[in-house]
Amino acid sequence: MAIFPEDEALKTAAQRAISAVLVGVLVYGVFIVYTGLDDMGDSLRGFSWSWFVCAVALATFNYLFRFLRWQYYLKLLDVRGVGARDSLLVFLSGFVLTITPGKVGEMFKSAVLEQTHDVPLERTAPVVVVERLSDLLGVVTLILVGSIGFESGLPWALAGSAAVGLGFAMILWERPSNALLAWFGRHPRFSRFEPKLRDAISSLRLLSRPETLPYPLVLSIIAWAAEGVSLWVLLRGFGAKASLLLAVFFYETSSLAGALIPVPGGLGVVETMLREQLVYLGGVSAAAATASMLLVRIATLWWAVLVGFVALGMLRVKYPRLRAMTA
């Protein structure tokens, strides 16, 4: 396990962000050329940017409800001594690495919490896993609701529901995890990891109990519904007639595909699937579909990365002597 100074960790985060931005520019450029520069220009000239501001506000609304879920999980783990403002900044700092595959970079916030408030990383790292499961369950719920207005949507929802159910079953079923811990304990090379792994699994099981699920699930549904609505808002700005249910369905299925396929931020996957659904299933013109796709990705993905860097910068001002970050 290598140890890097915080500045090196931040440098790595910045390099990944810059690389993802360059990939994003390339991907978006291809979409614009493919759609047609003149058609894209005509669509944007008739667009009122107040709709984009509304989309960004809805994305920010998403962060608020996910923060409430983060606070709930910290309370369940009896994590104390972290003020609400600091906790919010720590939570938002995880967005710095939103563009990592599967959003695993959000583990970064557990590392930041350890360095700023001495909360062991292995204690809060399971929160990130449960957040992803909660997100998945919330997104699948929205896909199920959206499929009401879409004939072929139900199979997507049923497949996602089965995957989520399997994930929770594997967490709550003690025999496989106990066997894994026993295997670690028997091997000298890995036995030193066994106590921390046991703590992590214990925290994960605590956070995944059926009685702790309803509140985070409601927050997840509201949070991700807000981003689905942001796509609908942008479509309205371009004069497209797609219904709210369809817009939410298209956004959530594209987001789910981007999360499951291991590419940074779902780049290329989310954009392609979202545009194709809008054009071929939603009846949206190619120019309006491409423009809406680009703007919703800026409002949801790239705005999150920017917010993450701002939050991390504020934490560094308050905690200038952050210890070495574990990489």
C-alpha atoms as a PDB file:
ATOM      1  CA  MET A   1       0.000   0.000   0.000  1.00  0.00           C
ATOM      2  CA  ALA A   2       1.625   3.187  -1.145  1.00  0.00           C
ATOM      3  CA  ILE A   3       1.457   6.477   0.686  1.00  0.00           C
ATOM      4  CA  PHE A   4       1.402   9.752  -1.253  1.00  0.00           C
ATOM      5  CA  PRO A   5       1.350  13.298   0.077  1.00  0.00           C
ATOM      6  CA  GLU A   6      -2.006  15.000  -0.188  1.00  0.00           C
ATOM      7  CA  ASP A   7      -0.716  17.312  -2.894  1.00  0.00           C
ATOM      8  CA  GLU A   8       0.186  14.236  -4.960  1.00  0.00           C
ATOM      9  CA  ALA A   9      -3.299  12.784  -4.416  1.00  0.00           C
ATOM     10  CA  LEU A  10      -4.883  16.056  -5.509  1.00  0.00           C
ATOM     11  CA  LYS A  11      -2.550  16.212  -8.486  1.00  0.00           C
ATOM     12  CA  THR A  12      -3.652  12.721  -9.504  1.00  0.00           C
ATOM     13  CA  ALA A  13      -7.319  13.718  -9.112  1.00  0.00           C
ATOM     14  CA  ALA A  14      -6.777  16.831 -11.217  1.00  0.00           C
ATOM     15  CA  GLN A  15      -4.957  14.838 -13.917  1.00  0.00           C
ATOM     16  CA  ARG A  16      -7.816  12.345 -14.093  1.00  0.00           C
ATOM     17  CA  ALA A  17     -10.341  15.152 -14.289  1.00  0.00           C
ATOM     18  CA  ILE A  18      -8.411  16.875 -17.087  1.00  0.00           C
ATOM     19  CA  SER A  19      -8.064  13.591 -19.000  1.00  0.00           C
ATOM     20  CA  ALA A  20     -11.793  12.950 -18.656  1.00  0.00           C
ATOM     21  CA  VAL A  21     -12.576  16.501 -19.823  1.00  0.00           C
ATOM     22  CA  LEU A  22     -10.458  15.944 -22.942  1.00  0.00           C
ATOM     23  CA  VAL A  23     -12.195  12.623 -23.620  1.00  0.00           C
ATOM     24  CA  GLY A  24     -15.542  14.334 -23.052  1.00  0.00           C
ATOM     25  CA  VAL A  25     -14.711  17.138 -25.485  1.00  0.00           C
ATOM     26  CA  LEU A  26     -13.750  14.553 -28.097  1.00  0.00           C
ATOM     27  CA  VAL A  27     -16.924  12.521 -27.547  1.00  0.00           C
ATOM     28  CA  TYR A  28     -19.166  15.583 -27.616  1.00  0.00           C
ATOM     29  CA  GLY A  29     -17.395  16.927 -30.684  1.00  0.00           C
ATOM     30  CA  VAL A  30     -18.127  13.683 -32.525  1.00  0.00           C
ATOM     31  CA  PHE A  31     -21.810  13.929 -31.598  1.00  0.00           C
ATOM     32  CA  ILE A  32     -22.005  17.554 -32.781  1.00  0.00           C
ATOM     33  CA  VAL A  33     -20.335  16.796 -36.121  1.00  0.00           C
ATOM     34  CA  TYR A  34     -22.494  13.709 -36.565  1.00  0.00           C
ATOM     35  CA  THR A  35     -25.660  15.709 -35.898  1.00  0.00           C
ATOM     36  CA  GLY A  36     -24.626  18.658 -38.042  1.00  0.00           C
ATOM     37  CA  LEU A  37     -23.121  21.960 -36.985  1.00  0.00           C
ATOM     38  CA  ASP A  38     -25.824  24.053 -38.618  1.00  0.00           C
ATOM     39  CA  ASP A  39     -28.665  22.095 -37.010  1.00  0.00           C
ATOM     40  CA  MET A  40     -26.997  22.283 -33.599  1.00  0.00           C
ATOM     41  CA  GLY A  41     -26.473  26.018 -33.997  1.00  0.00           C
ATOM     42  CA  ASP A  42     -30.116  26.557 -34.902  1.00  0.00           C
ATOM     43  CA  SER A  43     -31.268  24.568 -31.846  1.00  0.00           C
ATOM     44  CA  LEU A  44     -29.026  26.490 -29.443  1.00  0.00           C
ATOM     45  CA  ARG A  45     -29.983  29.871 -30.866  1.00  0.00           C
ATOM     46  CA  GLY A  46     -33.611  29.202 -30.021  1.00  0.00           C
ATOM     47  CA  PHE A  47     -32.810  27.911 -26.540  1.00  0.00           C
ATOM     48  CA  SER A  48     -33.491  30.001 -23.425  1.00  0.00           C
ATOM     49  CA  TRP A  49     -30.610  29.504 -20.981  1.00  0.00           C
ATOM     50  CA  SER A  50     -32.917  29.918 -17.994  1.00  0.00           C
ATOM     51  CA  TRP A  51     -33.875  26.280 -18.644  1.00  0.00           C
ATOM     52  CA  PHE A  52     -30.216  25.297 -18.216  1.00  0.00           C
ATOM     53  CA  VAL A  53     -30.002  27.198 -14.922  1.00  0.00           C
ATOM     54  CA  CYS A  54     -33.066  25.261 -13.788  1.00  0.00           C
ATOM     55  CA  ALA A  55     -31.374  21.974 -14.775  1.00  0.00           C
ATOM     56  CA  VAL A  56     -28.272  22.867 -12.746  1.00  0.00           C
ATOM     57  CA  ALA A  57     -30.492  23.755  -9.771  1.00  0.00           C
ATOM     58  CA  LEU A  58     -32.188  20.348 -10.007  1.00  0.00           C
ATOM     59  CA  ALA A  59     -28.780  18.627 -10.083  1.00  0.00           C
ATOM     60  CA  THR A  60     -27.751  20.586  -6.980  1.00  0.00           C
ATOM     61  CA  PHE A  61     -31.037  19.501  -5.374  1.00  0.00           C
ATOM     62  CA  ASN A  62     -29.852  15.930  -6.005  1.00  0.00           C
ATOM     63  CA  TYR A  63     -26.684  16.589  -3.973  1.00  0.00           C
ATOM     64  CA  LEU A  64     -28.689  17.918  -1.023  1.00  0.00           C
ATOM     65  CA  PHE A  65     -30.779  14.781  -0.679  1.00  0.00           C
ATOM     66  CA  ARG A  66     -27.778  12.496  -1.116  1.00  0.00           C
ATOM     67  CA  PHE A  67     -26.027  14.485   1.631  1.00  0.00           C
ATOM     68  CA  LEU A  68     -28.979  13.849   3.959  1.00  0.00           C
ATOM     69  CA  ARG A  69     -28.535  10.144   3.226  1.00  0.00           C
ATOM     70  CA  TRP A  70     -24.789  10.422   4.009  1.00  0.00           C
ATOM     71  CA  GLN A  71     -25.623  12.053   7.333  1.00  0.00           C
ATOM     72  CA  TYR A  72     -28.092   9.274   8.119  1.00  0.00           C
ATOM     73  CA  TYR A  73     -25.470   6.588   7.500  1.00  0.00           C
ATOM     74  CA  LEU A  74     -22.878   8.400   9.625  1.00  0.00           C
ATOM     75  CA  LYS A  75     -25.435   8.544  12.434  1.00  0.00           C
ATOM     76  CA  LEU A  76     -26.087   4.800  12.131  1.00  0.00           C
ATOM     77  CA  LEU A  77     -22.341   4.201  12.449  1.00  0.00           C
ATOM     78  CA  ASP A  78     -22.243   6.520  15.484  1.00  0.00           C
ATOM     79  CA  VAL A  79     -19.677   8.806  13.837  1.00  0.00           C
ATOM     80  CA  ARG A  80     -19.428  11.876  16.067  1.00  0.00           C
ATOM     81  CA  GLY A  81     -17.522  15.135  16.164  1.00  0.00           C
ATOM     82  CA  VAL A  82     -18.129  16.058  12.525  1.00  0.00           C
ATOM     83  CA  GLY A  83     -20.069  19.312  12.145  1.00  0.00           C
ATOM     84  CA  ALA A  84     -22.755  19.594   9.476  1.00  0.00           C
ATOM     85  CA  ARG A  85     -20.738  22.112   7.424  1.00  0.00           C
ATOM     86  CA  ASP A  86     -17.592  19.982   7.468  1.00  0.00           C
ATOM     87  CA  SER A  87     -19.613  16.869   6.731  1.00  0.00           C
ATOM     88  CA  LEU A  88     -21.184  18.581   3.716  1.00  0.00           C
ATOM     89  CA  LEU A  89     -17.777  19.644   2.392  1.00  0.00           C
ATOM     90  CA  VAL A  90     -16.380  16.136   2.924  1.00  0.00           C
ATOM     91  CA  PHE A  91     -19.372  14.632   1.129  1.00  0.00           C
ATOM     92  CA  LEU A  92     -19.069  17.028  -1.813  1.00  0.00           C
ATOM     93  CA  SER A  93     -15.305  16.460  -2.050  1.00  0.00           C
ATOM     94  CA  GLY A  94     -16.087  12.925  -3.211  1.00  0.00           C
ATOM     95  CA  PHE A  95     -17.394  14.414  -6.459  1.00  0.00           C
ATOM     96  CA  VAL A  96     -13.804  15.232  -7.445  1.00  0.00           C
ATOM     97  CA  LEU A  97     -13.493  11.650  -8.690  1.00  0.00           C
ATOM     98  CA  THR A  98     -17.059  11.241  -9.956  1.00  0.00           C
ATOM     99  CA  ILE A  99     -15.532  10.503 -13.352  1.00  0.00           C
ATOM    100  CA  THR A 100     -13.879   7.289 -12.142  1.00  0.00           C
ATOM    101  CA  PRO A 101     -15.460   4.017 -13.359  1.00  0.00           C
ATOM    102  CA  GLY A 102     -18.519   3.088 -11.290  1.00  0.00           C
ATOM    103  CA  LYS A 103     -17.928   6.222  -9.177  1.00  0.00           C
ATOM    104  CA  VAL A 104     -15.533   4.218  -6.987  1.00  0.00           C
ATOM    105  CA  GLY A 105     -13.590   7.471  -6.596  1.00  0.00           C
ATOM    106  CA  GLU A 106     -16.222   8.614  -4.117  1.00  0.00           C
ATOM    107  CA  MET A 107     -14.268   6.472  -1.620  1.00  0.00           C
ATOM    108  CA  PHE A 108     -12.065   9.576  -1.605  1.00  0.00           C
ATOM    109  CA  LYS A 109     -14.482  11.257   0.823  1.00  0.00           C
ATOM    110  CA  SER A 110     -13.865   8.508   3.386  1.00  0.00           C
ATOM    111  CA  ALA A 111     -10.137   9.183   3.090  1.00  0.00           C
ATOM    112  CA  VAL A 112     -10.743  12.930   3.516  1.00  0.00           C
ATOM    113  CA  LEU A 113     -12.917  12.273   6.590  1.00  0.00           C
ATOM    114  CA  GLU A 114     -10.137  10.166   8.080  1.00  0.00           C
ATOM    115  CA  GLN A 115      -7.561  12.897   7.544  1.00  0.00           C
ATOM    116  CA  THR A 116      -9.706  15.749   8.840  1.00  0.00           C
ATOM    117  CA  HIS A 117     -11.595  14.095  11.720  1.00  0.00           C
ATOM    118  CA  ASP A 118      -9.668  10.889  12.523  1.00  0.00           C
ATOM    119  CA  VAL A 119     -12.547   8.624  11.514  1.00  0.00           C
ATOM    120  CA  PRO A 120     -10.994   5.306  10.343  1.00  0.00           C
ATOM    121  CA  LEU A 121     -11.437   4.840   6.613  1.00  0.00           C
ATOM    122  CA  GLU A 122     -12.548   1.227   6.976  1.00  0.00           C
ATOM    123  CA  ARG A 123     -15.381   2.392   9.213  1.00  0.00           C
ATOM    124  CA  THR A 124     -17.019   4.697   6.644  1.00  0.00           C
ATOM    125  CA  ALA A 125     -15.887   3.070   3.389  1.00  0.00           C
ATOM    126  CA  PRO A 126     -18.913   0.703   3.485  1.00  0.00           C
ATOM    127  CA  VAL A 127     -21.137   3.802   3.315  1.00  0.00           C
ATOM    128  CA  VAL A 128     -19.972   4.300  -0.274  1.00  0.00           C
ATOM    129  CA  VAL A 129     -20.967   0.734  -1.164  1.00  0.00           C
ATOM    130  CA  VAL A 130     -24.401   1.073   0.452  1.00  0.00           C
ATOM    131  CA  GLU A 131     -24.889   4.457  -1.224  1.00  0.00           C
ATOM    132  CA  ARG A 132     -24.296   2.829  -4.602  1.00  0.00           C
ATOM    133  CA  LEU A 133     -26.773   0.051  -3.787  1.00  0.00           C
ATOM    134  CA  SER A 134     -29.298   2.617  -2.587  1.00  0.00           C
ATOM    135  CA  ASP A 135     -28.736   4.644  -5.763  1.00  0.00           C
ATOM    136  CA  LEU A 136     -29.229   1.530  -7.857  1.00  0.00           C
ATOM    137  CA  LEU A 137     -32.464   0.663  -6.083  1.00  0.00           C
ATOM    138  CA  GLY A 138     -33.704   4.253  -6.448  1.00  0.00           C
ATOM    139  CA  VAL A 139     -32.834   4.365 -10.161  1.00  0.00           C
ATOM    140  CA  VAL A 140     -34.503   1.008 -10.788  1.00  0.00           C
ATOM    141  CA  THR A 141     -37.624   2.264  -8.993  1.00  0.00           C
ATOM    142  CA  LEU A 142     -37.694   5.301 -11.265  1.00  0.00           C
ATOM    143  CA  ILE A 143     -37.186   3.114 -14.334  1.00  0.00           C
ATOM    144  CA  LEU A 144     -40.129   1.005 -13.193  1.00  0.00           C
ATOM    145  CA  VAL A 145     -42.268   4.138 -12.819  1.00  0.00           C
ATOM    146  CA  GLY A 146     -41.066   5.490 -16.160  1.00  0.00           C
ATOM    147  CA  SER A 147     -41.823   2.193 -17.890  1.00  0.00           C
ATOM    148  CA  ILE A 148     -45.533   2.905 -17.323  1.00  0.00           C
ATOM    149  CA  GLY A 149     -45.398   5.197 -20.329  1.00  0.00           C
ATOM    150  CA  PHE A 150     -43.086   2.984 -22.372  1.00  0.00           C
ATOM    151  CA  GLU A 151     -44.027  -0.424 -23.763  1.00  0.00           C
ATOM    152  CA  SER A 152     -40.557  -2.029 -23.621  1.00  0.00           C
ATOM    153  CA  GLY A 153     -39.452  -0.536 -20.318  1.00  0.00           C
ATOM    154  CA  LEU A 154     -40.642  -3.202 -17.898  1.00  0.00           C
ATOM    155  CA  PRO A 155     -37.914  -5.817 -18.699  1.00  0.00           C
ATOM    156  CA  TRP A 156     -35.249  -3.218 -17.825  1.00  0.00           C
ATOM    157  CA  ALA A 157     -36.867  -2.564 -14.480  1.00  0.00           C
ATOM    158  CA  LEU A 158     -37.301  -6.254 -13.643  1.00  0.00           C
ATOM    159  CA  ALA A 159     -33.679  -7.070 -14.544  1.00  0.00           C
ATOM    160  CA  GLY A 160     -32.395  -4.197 -12.431  1.00  0.00           C
ATOM    161  CA  SER A 161     -34.605  -5.187  -9.496  1.00  0.00           C
ATOM    162  CA  ALA A 162     -33.244  -8.737  -9.625  1.00  0.00           C
ATOM    163  CA  ALA A 163     -29.647  -7.443  -9.622  1.00  0.00           C
ATOM    164  CA  VAL A 164     -30.277  -5.164  -6.644  1.00  0.00           C
ATOM    165  CA  GLY A 165     -32.013  -7.948  -4.708  1.00  0.00           C
ATOM    166  CA  LEU A 166     -29.064 -10.280  -5.320  1.00  0.00           C
ATOM    167  CA  GLY A 167     -26.622  -7.631  -4.108  1.00  0.00           C
ATOM    168  CA  PHE A 168     -28.471  -7.077  -0.843  1.00  0.00           C
ATOM    169  CA  ALA A 169     -28.843 -10.822  -0.308  1.00  0.00           C
ATOM    170  CA  MET A 170     -25.083 -11.360  -0.633  1.00  0.00           C
ATOM    171  CA  ILE A 171     -24.414  -8.611   1.916  1.00  0.00           C
ATOM    172  CA  LEU A 172     -26.937  -9.812   4.483  1.00  0.00           C
ATOM    173  CA  TRP A 173     -26.147 -13.526   4.096  1.00  0.00           C
ATOM    174  CA  GLU A 174     -23.469 -14.155   6.723  1.00  0.00           C
ATOM    175  CA  ARG A 175     -22.087 -17.496   5.541  1.00  0.00           C
ATOM    176  CA  PRO A 176     -20.179 -16.193   2.463  1.00  0.00           C
ATOM    177  CA  SER A 177     -18.694 -13.244   4.340  1.00  0.00           C
ATOM    178  CA  ASN A 178     -17.677 -15.411   7.306  1.00  0.00           C
ATOM    179  CA  ALA A 179     -16.001 -17.867   4.928  1.00  0.00           C
ATOM    180  CA  LEU A 180     -14.102 -14.988   3.307  1.00  0.00           C
ATOM    181  CA  LEU A 181     -12.944 -13.691   6.696  1.00  0.00           C
ATOM    182  CA  ALA A 182     -11.828 -17.178   7.727  1.00  0.00           C
ATOM    183  CA  TRP A 183      -9.809 -17.509   4.520  1.00  0.00           C
ATOM    184  CA  PHE A 184      -8.052 -14.202   5.199  1.00  0.00           C
ATOM    185  CA  GLY A 185      -7.342 -15.258   8.789  1.00  0.00           C
ATOM    186  CA  ARG A 186      -5.669 -18.527   7.731  1.00  0.00           C
ATOM    187  CA  HIS A 187      -3.182 -16.956   5.330  1.00  0.00           C
ATOM    188  CA  PRO A 188      -0.184 -15.169   6.895  1.00  0.00           C
ATOM    189  CA  ARG A 189       0.117 -12.761   3.969  1.00  0.00           C
ATOM    190  CA  PHE A 190      -3.477 -11.564   4.347  1.00  0.00           C
ATOM    191  CA  SER A 191      -4.244 -12.093   8.024  1.00  0.00           C
ATOM    192  CA  ARG A 192      -3.296  -8.499   8.883  1.00  0.00           C
ATOM    193  CA  PHE A 193      -6.206  -7.301   6.714  1.00  0.00           C
ATOM    194  CA  GLU A 194      -8.733  -9.508   8.476  1.00  0.00           C
ATOM    195  CA  PRO A 195      -9.635  -7.142  11.389  1.00  0.00           C
ATOM    196  CA  LYS A 196     -10.231  -4.161   9.113  1.00  0.00           C
ATOM    197  CA  LEU A 197     -12.175  -6.303   6.661  1.00  0.00           C
ATOM    198  CA  ARG A 198     -14.300  -7.653   9.512  1.00  0.00           C
ATOM    199  CA  ASP A 199     -15.067  -4.080  10.663  1.00  0.00           C
ATOM    200  CA  ALA A 200     -15.955  -3.056   7.126  1.00  0.00           C
ATOM    201  CA  ILE A 201     -18.311  -5.991   6.598  1.00  0.00           C
ATOM    202  CA  SER A 202     -19.896  -5.361   9.994  1.00  0.00           C
ATOM    203  CA  SER A 203     -20.550  -1.727   9.059  1.00  0.00           C
ATOM    204  CA  LEU A 204     -21.865  -2.751   5.647  1.00  0.00           C
ATOM    205  CA  ARG A 205     -24.296  -5.225   7.179  1.00  0.00           C
ATOM    206  CA  LEU A 206     -25.445  -2.641   9.736  1.00  0.00           C
ATOM    207  CA  LEU A 207     -26.209  -0.128   6.982  1.00  0.00           C
ATOM    208  CA  SER A 208     -27.984  -2.686   4.785  1.00  0.00           C
ATOM    209  CA  ARG A 209     -30.539  -4.020   7.251  1.00  0.00           C
ATOM    210  CA  PRO A 210     -34.144  -3.948   5.954  1.00  0.00           C
ATOM    211  CA  GLU A 211     -35.199  -1.597   8.762  1.00  0.00           C
ATOM    212  CA  THR A 212     -32.578   0.972   7.725  1.00  0.00           C
ATOM    213  CA  LEU A 213     -33.511   0.887   4.038  1.00  0.00           C
ATOM    214  CA  PRO A 214     -36.742   2.952   3.641  1.00  0.00           C
ATOM    215  CA  TYR A 215     -35.362   6.414   4.503  1.00  0.00           C
ATOM    216  CA  PRO A 216     -32.265   6.207   2.238  1.00  0.00           C
ATOM    217  CA  LEU A 217     -34.397   4.736  -0.521  1.00  0.00           C
ATOM    218  CA  VAL A 218     -36.854   7.648  -0.415  1.00  0.00           C
ATOM    219  CA  LEU A 219     -33.946  10.105  -0.489  1.00  0.00           C
ATOM    220  CA  SER A 220     -32.376   8.246  -3.432  1.00  0.00           C
ATOM    221  CA  ILE A 221     -35.606   8.261  -5.413  1.00  0.00           C
ATOM    222  CA  ILE A 222     -36.111  11.992  -4.863  1.00  0.00           C
ATOM    223  CA  ALA A 223     -32.456  12.761  -5.659  1.00  0.00           C
ATOM    224  CA  TRP A 224     -32.302  10.862  -8.930  1.00  0.00           C
ATOM    225  CA  ALA A 225     -35.789  11.916  -9.964  1.00  0.00           C
ATOM    226  CA  ALA A 226     -34.508  15.509  -9.803  1.00  0.00           C
ATOM    227  CA  GLU A 227     -31.829  14.759 -12.406  1.00  0.00           C
ATOM    228  CA  GLY A 228     -34.344  12.958 -14.601  1.00  0.00           C
ATOM    229  CA  VAL A 229     -36.578  16.015 -14.419  1.00  0.00           C
ATOM    230  CA  SER A 230     -33.585  18.162 -15.429  1.00  0.00           C
ATOM    231  CA  LEU A 231     -33.515  16.355 -18.780  1.00  0.00           C
ATOM    232  CA  TRP A 232     -37.246  17.002 -19.234  1.00  0.00           C
ATOM    233  CA  VAL A 233     -36.707  20.689 -18.425  1.00  0.00           C
ATOM    234  CA  LEU A 234     -34.002  20.966 -21.084  1.00  0.00           C
ATOM    235  CA  LEU A 235     -36.189  19.201 -23.635  1.00  0.00           C
ATOM    236  CA  ARG A 236     -38.926  21.731 -22.947  1.00  0.00           C
ATOM    237  CA  GLY A 237     -36.391  24.480 -23.544  1.00  0.00           C
ATOM    238  CA  PHE A 238     -35.829  23.076 -27.039  1.00  0.00           C
ATOM    239  CA  GLY A 239     -39.555  22.742 -27.658  1.00  0.00           C
ATOM    240  CA  ALA A 240     -39.462  18.916 -27.615  1.00  0.00           C
ATOM    241  CA  LYS A 241     -42.692  17.183 -26.632  1.00  0.00           C
ATOM    242  CA  ALA A 242     -41.305  14.165 -24.715  1.00  0.00           C
ATOM    243  CA  SER A 243     -43.375  13.378 -21.624  1.00  0.00           C
ATOM    244  CA  LEU A 244     -41.970  13.655 -18.109  1.00  0.00           C
ATOM    245  CA  LEU A 245     -42.165   9.882 -17.539  1.00  0.00           C
ATOM    246  CA  LEU A 246     -40.295   9.159 -20.754  1.00  0.00           C
ATOM    247  CA  ALA A 247     -37.610  11.743 -19.998  1.00  0.00           C
ATOM    248  CA  VAL A 248     -37.048  10.227 -16.552  1.00  0.00           C
ATOM    249  CA  PHE A 249     -37.007   6.721 -18.033  1.00  0.00           C
ATOM    250  CA  PHE A 250     -34.448   7.678 -20.701  1.00  0.00           C
ATOM    251  CA  TYR A 251     -32.205   9.452 -18.201  1.00  0.00           C
ATOM    252  CA  GLU A 252     -32.266   6.687 -15.587  1.00  0.00           C
ATOM    253  CA  THR A 253     -31.666   3.819 -18.026  1.00  0.00           C
ATOM    254  CA  SER A 254     -28.748   5.707 -19.577  1.00  0.00           C
ATOM    255  CA  SER A 255     -27.294   6.503 -16.144  1.00  0.00           C
ATOM    256  CA  LEU A 256     -27.637   2.870 -15.079  1.00  0.00           C
ATOM    257  CA  ALA A 257     -25.844   1.681 -18.210  1.00  0.00           C
ATOM    258  CA  GLY A 258     -23.058   4.209 -17.630  1.00  0.00           C
ATOM    259  CA  ALA A 259     -22.632   3.060 -14.030  1.00  0.00           C
ATOM    260  CA  LEU A 260     -22.484  -0.638 -14.923  1.00  0.00           C
ATOM    261  CA  ILE A 261     -19.990  -0.304 -17.778  1.00  0.00           C
ATOM    262  CA  PRO A 262     -16.496   0.481 -16.382  1.00  0.00           C
ATOM    263  CA  VAL A 263     -15.608   3.654 -18.275  1.00  0.00           C
ATOM    264  CA  PRO A 264     -14.817   7.023 -16.617  1.00  0.00           C
ATOM    265  CA  GLY A 265     -18.072   8.787 -15.806  1.00  0.00           C
ATOM    266  CA  GLY A 266     -19.900   6.565 -18.288  1.00  0.00           C
ATOM    267  CA  LEU A 267     -18.447   8.787 -21.042  1.00  0.00           C
ATOM    268  CA  GLY A 268     -19.664   7.719 -24.446  1.00  0.00           C
ATOM    269  CA  VAL A 269     -22.051   5.136 -23.016  1.00  0.00           C
ATOM    270  CA  VAL A 270     -24.510   7.510 -21.331  1.00  0.00           C
ATOM    271  CA  GLU A 271     -24.357  10.017 -24.177  1.00  0.00           C
ATOM    272  CA  THR A 272     -24.957   7.462 -26.928  1.00  0.00           C
ATOM    273  CA  MET A 273     -27.774   5.669 -25.167  1.00  0.00           C
ATOM    274  CA  LEU A 274     -29.483   8.887 -24.107  1.00  0.00           C
ATOM    275  CA  ARG A 275     -29.367  10.423 -27.569  1.00  0.00           C
ATOM    276  CA  GLU A 276     -30.516   7.259 -29.319  1.00  0.00           C
ATOM    277  CA  GLN A 277     -33.463   6.831 -26.970  1.00  0.00           C
ATOM    278  CA  LEU A 278     -34.510  10.449 -27.412  1.00  0.00           C
ATOM    279  CA  VAL A 279     -34.368  10.223 -31.199  1.00  0.00           C
ATOM    280  CA  TYR A 280     -35.709   6.737 -31.908  1.00  0.00           C
ATOM    281  CA  LEU A 281     -38.038   6.172 -28.966  1.00  0.00           C
ATOM    282  CA  GLY A 282     -38.959   9.686 -27.885  1.00  0.00           C
ATOM    283  CA  GLY A 283     -39.433  11.217 -31.322  1.00  0.00           C
ATOM    284  CA  VAL A 284     -37.084  14.135 -30.538  1.00  0.00           C
ATOM    285  CA  SER A 285     -35.217  15.710 -33.449  1.00  0.00           C
ATOM    286  CA  ALA A 286     -31.536  14.754 -33.743  1.00  0.00           C
ATOM    287  CA  ALA A 287     -30.344  18.314 -33.102  1.00  0.00           C
ATOM    288  CA  ALA A 288     -32.539  18.827 -30.023  1.00  0.00           C
ATOM    289  CA  ALA A 289     -31.639  15.365 -28.695  1.00  0.00           C
ATOM    290  CA  THR A 290     -27.894  15.997 -29.036  1.00  0.00           C
ATOM    291  CA  ALA A 291     -28.107  19.467 -27.521  1.00  0.00           C
ATOM    292  CA  SER A 292     -30.255  18.253 -24.608  1.00  0.00           C
ATOM    293  CA  MET A 293     -27.879  15.362 -24.003  1.00  0.00           C
ATOM    294  CA  LEU A 294     -24.841  17.668 -23.943  1.00  0.00           C
ATOM    295  CA  LEU A 295     -26.455  20.190 -21.608  1.00  0.00           C
ATOM    296  CA  VAL A 296     -27.794  17.590 -19.170  1.00  0.00           C
ATOM    297  CA  ARG A 297     -24.340  16.023 -18.924  1.00  0.00           C
ATOM    298  CA  ILE A 298     -22.797  19.418 -18.188  1.00  0.00           C
ATOM    299  CA  ALA A 299     -25.474  20.116 -15.577  1.00  0.00           C
ATOM    300  CA  THR A 300     -25.165  16.737 -13.848  1.00  0.00           C
ATOM    301  CA  LEU A 301     -21.689  15.268 -14.443  1.00  0.00           C
ATOM    302  CA  TRP A 302     -19.349  18.212 -14.971  1.00  0.00           C
ATOM    303  CA  TRP A 303     -21.078  20.520 -12.495  1.00  0.00           C
ATOM    304  CA  ALA A 304     -20.564  17.802  -9.843  1.00  0.00           C
ATOM    305  CA  VAL A 305     -16.826  17.649 -10.572  1.00  0.00           C
ATOM    306  CA  LEU A 306     -16.544  21.436 -10.257  1.00  0.00           C
ATOM    307  CA  VAL A 307     -18.495  21.429  -6.979  1.00  0.00           C
ATOM    308  CA  GLY A 308     -16.195  18.689  -5.675  1.00  0.00           C
ATOM    309  CA  PHE A 309     -13.031  20.688  -6.348  1.00  0.00           C
ATOM    310  CA  VAL A 310     -14.506  23.793  -4.695  1.00  0.00           C
ATOM    311  CA  ALA A 311     -15.507  21.809  -1.597  1.00  0.00           C
ATOM    312  CA  LEU A 312     -12.089  20.169  -1.382  1.00  0.00           C
ATOM    313  CA  GLY A 313     -10.394  23.546  -1.706  1.00  0.00           C
ATOM    314  CA  MET A 314     -12.478  24.915   1.186  1.00  0.00           C
ATOM    315  CA  LEU A 315     -11.478  21.943   3.330  1.00  0.00           C
ATOM    316  CA  ARG A 316      -7.807  22.506   2.567  1.00  0.00           C
ATOM    317  CA  VAL A 317      -8.110  26.110   3.727  1.00  0.00           C
ATOM    318  CA  LYS A 318      -9.560  24.963   7.047  1.00  0.00           C
ATOM    319  CA  TYR A 319      -7.267  21.927   7.414  1.00  0.00           C
ATOM    320  CA  PRO A 320      -3.929  23.018   5.862  1.00  0.00           C
ATOM    321  CA  ARG A 321      -2.007  20.198   7.485  1.00  0.00           C
ATOM    322  CA  LEU A 322      -3.956  17.239   6.187  1.00  0.00           C
ATOM    323  CA  ARG A 323      -1.894  14.138   6.694  1.00  0.00           C
ATOM    324  CA  ALA A 324      -0.672  11.858   3.954  1.00  0.00           C
ATOM    325  CA  MET A 325      -3.447  10.398   1.847  1.00  0.00           C
ATOM    326  CA  THR A 326      -3.551   6.623   1.389  1.00  0.00           C
ATOM    327  CA  ALA A 327      -3.654   5.560  -2.227  1.00  0.00           C
END
